[in-house]
Amino acid sequence: MLVLNDISLRRGVKLVLEHTGVTLQPGEKIGTVGRNGAGKSSLFALLAGKLQADGGEVQMPPRWQQPGGMAEVAQDMPETAEGATDFVLAGDTPLRLAQERPAQAEAADDGHAIAEAHHAIQDAGGFDARARAQAMLMGLGFRSEQLDAPVNSFSGGWRMRLQLARALMCPAELMLLDEPTNHLDLDALVWLEAC
């Protein structure tokens, strides 16, 4: 459970949150609305650990704070020649960590650890991850010929869709979607709502 208890948060001299509280149970979905500058992104930055509250307390399960426990849509424009599908796959932190284990086990020449590493990849969904990532991209409006196109070949709006897909790829306990629909058309919105 996520609990914000009597949170106050300043950005410069502006008080964006004052005596704010909320309790979020696992599985619940909530949305925040407000004008620009109201503190929505600051709240997300607080939850992601990028900001510290000026007052109050944030209580979050430890597993939500571990790699893969939280996912968020990055607001920066990715500048990489990496293919779209590979970029999205990199958002699955547990899978990425599991994929590093076989090489480590092989370097240690530990047969038992090698077997466990391959089981960890299977448990993380590694054998169908590429297909899931590509299905997600297609749901967000990408065409099949774009699935392996370099990220930096897309316009800004399409790169933000890639950032959304990357966040959705992570099997997180807490997902922070800051303005996730700004760059989506109606078909992609319908697809996202069905997720």
Protein backbone atom coordinates (compact mmCIF):
# COMPACT_ATOMS: atom_id res chain seq x y z
CA MET A 1 0.00 0.00 0.00
CA LEU A 2 1.18 3.53 -0.81
CA VAL A 3 0.48 6.15 1.82
CA LEU A 4 1.14 9.88 1.58
CA ASN A 5 0.67 11.36 5.03
CA ASP A 6 0.46 15.15 5.46
CA ILE A 7 2.84 15.84 2.53
CA SER A 8 4.07 19.35 1.80
CA LEU A 9 6.27 20.00 -1.22
CA ARG A 10 7.85 23.18 -2.55
CA ARG A 11 9.30 23.85 -5.97
CA GLY A 12 11.45 26.92 -5.47
CA VAL A 13 9.32 29.39 -3.52
CA LYS A 14 6.03 27.90 -4.73
CA LEU A 15 4.17 25.52 -2.42
CA VAL A 16 2.71 22.91 -4.80
CA LEU A 17 1.44 20.41 -2.21
CA GLU A 18 0.29 21.31 1.28
CA HIS A 19 -0.89 18.83 3.92
CA THR A 20 -1.71 16.31 1.18
CA GLY A 21 -2.69 12.76 1.98
CA VAL A 22 -3.77 9.70 0.03
CA THR A 23 -3.80 5.95 0.48
CA LEU A 24 -3.50 3.71 -2.58
CA GLN A 25 -4.13 -0.02 -2.28
CA PRO A 26 -2.42 -2.51 -4.64
CA GLY A 27 -4.40 -2.86 -7.85
CA GLU A 28 -6.10 0.53 -7.55
CA LYS A 29 -5.85 3.08 -10.33
CA ILE A 30 -6.02 6.79 -9.66
CA GLY A 31 -5.63 9.89 -11.77
CA THR A 32 -4.61 13.41 -10.94
CA VAL A 33 -5.94 16.41 -12.80
CA GLY A 34 -5.08 20.07 -12.60
CA ARG A 35 -3.78 23.00 -14.53
CA ASN A 36 -0.14 23.31 -15.58
CA GLY A 37 2.04 24.05 -12.57
CA ALA A 38 -0.41 22.55 -10.09
CA GLY A 39 2.13 19.97 -8.90
CA LYS A 40 1.14 16.77 -10.73
CA SER A 41 4.62 16.11 -12.14
CA SER A 42 6.19 17.13 -8.82
CA LEU A 43 4.03 14.54 -7.06
CA PHE A 44 5.24 11.88 -9.50
CA ALA A 45 8.85 12.97 -8.97
CA LEU A 46 8.31 12.64 -5.21
CA LEU A 47 6.92 9.12 -5.64
CA ALA A 48 9.83 8.18 -7.93
CA GLY A 49 12.33 9.37 -5.31
CA LYS A 50 13.61 12.28 -7.40
CA LEU A 51 12.31 14.86 -4.92
CA GLN A 52 12.11 14.91 -1.14
CA ALA A 53 9.03 16.14 0.68
CA ASP A 54 9.37 19.33 2.73
CA GLY A 55 7.03 17.83 5.29
CA GLY A 56 5.06 14.67 5.92
CA GLU A 57 5.83 11.07 5.14
CA VAL A 58 5.72 8.77 2.11
CA GLN A 59 5.23 5.09 2.95
CA MET A 60 5.80 2.65 0.12
CA PRO A 61 6.36 -1.14 0.12
CA PRO A 62 10.07 -1.94 -0.22
CA ARG A 63 9.45 -4.13 -3.30
CA TRP A 64 8.01 -1.08 -5.10
CA GLN A 65 11.36 0.65 -4.56
CA GLN A 66 13.42 -2.20 -6.05
CA PRO A 67 14.39 -2.38 -9.75
CA GLY A 68 11.24 -3.07 -11.75
CA GLY A 69 8.94 -2.25 -8.84
CA MET A 70 8.05 1.14 -10.31
CA ALA A 71 7.72 2.30 -13.91
CA GLU A 72 7.22 5.77 -15.29
CA VAL A 73 6.96 7.45 -18.66
CA ALA A 74 10.18 9.36 -19.16
CA GLN A 75 9.47 12.91 -20.32
CA ASP A 76 12.71 13.38 -22.27
CA MET A 77 13.09 12.65 -25.96
CA PRO A 78 15.23 9.54 -26.43
CA GLU A 79 18.17 10.08 -28.78
CA THR A 80 19.38 6.66 -29.81
CA ALA A 81 19.87 4.60 -32.95
CA GLU A 82 18.59 1.54 -31.05
CA GLY A 83 15.69 -0.22 -32.77
CA ALA A 84 12.16 0.55 -31.51
CA THR A 85 11.45 -2.97 -30.23
CA ASP A 86 14.79 -3.23 -28.42
CA PHE A 87 14.22 0.20 -26.87
CA VAL A 88 10.84 -0.91 -25.52
CA LEU A 89 12.23 -4.26 -24.29
CA ALA A 90 14.85 -2.41 -22.23
CA GLY A 91 11.99 -1.04 -20.12
CA ASP A 92 11.40 -4.49 -18.62
CA THR A 93 13.89 -4.16 -15.78
CA PRO A 94 13.35 -7.64 -14.25
CA LEU A 95 13.86 -9.26 -17.65
CA ARG A 96 16.95 -7.16 -18.36
CA LEU A 97 18.45 -8.18 -15.00
CA ALA A 98 17.58 -11.84 -15.62
CA GLN A 99 19.25 -11.72 -19.05
CA GLU A 100 22.52 -10.65 -17.43
CA ARG A 101 22.63 -13.71 -15.18
CA PRO A 102 23.65 -16.44 -17.69
CA ALA A 103 26.86 -14.63 -18.67
CA GLN A 104 27.74 -14.12 -15.01
CA ALA A 105 27.06 -17.79 -14.24
CA GLU A 106 29.06 -18.94 -17.27
CA ALA A 107 31.97 -16.72 -16.26
CA ALA A 108 31.92 -18.42 -12.85
CA ASP A 109 31.65 -21.83 -14.59
CA ASP A 110 28.72 -22.70 -12.29
CA GLY A 111 26.37 -25.17 -13.98
CA HIS A 112 23.71 -24.86 -11.29
CA ALA A 113 23.74 -21.06 -11.55
CA ILE A 114 23.51 -21.31 -15.36
CA ALA A 115 20.36 -23.43 -15.07
CA GLU A 116 18.87 -21.03 -12.50
CA ALA A 117 19.70 -18.08 -14.77
CA HIS A 118 17.78 -19.60 -17.66
CA HIS A 119 14.83 -20.31 -15.36
CA ALA A 120 14.94 -16.67 -14.24
CA ILE A 121 14.67 -15.56 -17.88
CA GLN A 122 11.69 -17.86 -18.36
CA ASP A 123 10.05 -16.60 -15.16
CA ALA A 124 10.55 -13.01 -16.34
CA GLY A 125 8.73 -13.80 -19.60
CA GLY A 126 11.87 -13.61 -21.68
CA PHE A 127 10.83 -16.10 -24.32
CA ASP A 128 7.80 -14.13 -25.50
CA ALA A 129 8.96 -10.63 -24.51
CA ARG A 130 9.82 -9.52 -28.05
CA ALA A 131 6.39 -10.54 -29.33
CA ARG A 132 4.71 -8.73 -26.41
CA ALA A 133 6.75 -5.58 -27.06
CA GLN A 134 5.87 -5.62 -30.75
CA ALA A 135 2.16 -6.20 -30.00
CA MET A 136 2.31 -3.20 -27.67
CA LEU A 137 3.92 -1.06 -30.37
CA MET A 138 1.27 -2.12 -32.88
CA GLY A 139 -1.43 -1.24 -30.33
CA LEU A 140 0.08 2.23 -30.03
CA GLY A 141 -0.13 2.73 -33.80
CA PHE A 142 3.28 1.66 -35.09
CA ARG A 143 3.34 -0.21 -38.41
CA SER A 144 5.16 -3.52 -38.79
CA GLU A 145 7.93 -1.93 -40.90
CA GLN A 146 8.63 0.52 -38.04
CA LEU A 147 9.18 -2.09 -35.32
CA ASP A 148 12.94 -2.19 -35.79
CA ALA A 149 13.44 1.36 -37.08
CA PRO A 150 15.93 3.47 -35.11
CA VAL A 151 14.33 5.46 -32.30
CA ASN A 152 15.93 8.68 -33.54
CA SER A 153 14.19 8.28 -36.91
CA PHE A 154 10.79 9.01 -35.31
CA SER A 155 9.22 12.41 -34.66
CA GLY A 156 8.83 13.70 -31.10
CA GLY A 157 5.26 12.45 -30.72
CA TRP A 158 6.20 8.94 -31.84
CA ARG A 159 9.21 8.93 -29.51
CA MET A 160 6.86 9.73 -26.62
CA ARG A 161 4.76 6.72 -27.67
CA LEU A 162 7.97 4.68 -27.47
CA GLN A 163 8.55 6.02 -23.95
CA LEU A 164 4.99 4.99 -23.02
CA ALA A 165 5.50 1.50 -24.46
CA ARG A 166 8.80 1.19 -22.58
CA ALA A 167 7.07 2.04 -19.29
CA LEU A 168 4.19 -0.34 -20.00
CA MET A 169 6.65 -3.15 -20.73
CA CYS A 170 7.80 -3.20 -17.11
CA PRO A 171 5.67 -5.46 -14.86
CA ALA A 172 5.72 -2.81 -12.14
CA GLU A 173 3.77 -2.66 -8.89
CA LEU A 174 3.46 1.13 -9.31
CA MET A 175 3.18 2.81 -12.70
CA LEU A 176 3.46 6.59 -13.02
CA LEU A 177 1.99 7.81 -16.29
CA ASP A 178 2.52 11.56 -16.53
CA GLU A 179 0.36 12.85 -19.40
CA PRO A 180 0.52 9.52 -21.24
CA THR A 181 -2.19 10.36 -23.78
CA ASN A 182 -0.84 13.67 -25.10
CA HIS A 183 0.58 12.09 -28.25
CA LEU A 184 -2.02 9.38 -28.86
CA ASP A 185 -4.76 9.22 -31.47
CA LEU A 186 -8.19 7.75 -30.75
CA ASP A 187 -7.25 4.17 -31.76
CA ALA A 188 -4.20 4.20 -29.47
CA LEU A 189 -6.30 5.69 -26.63
CA VAL A 190 -8.85 2.89 -26.96
CA TRP A 191 -6.04 0.33 -26.96
CA LEU A 192 -4.44 1.88 -23.85
CA GLU A 193 -7.74 1.94 -21.95
CA ALA A 194 -8.18 -1.78 -22.68
CA CYS A 195 -4.76 -2.64 -21.18
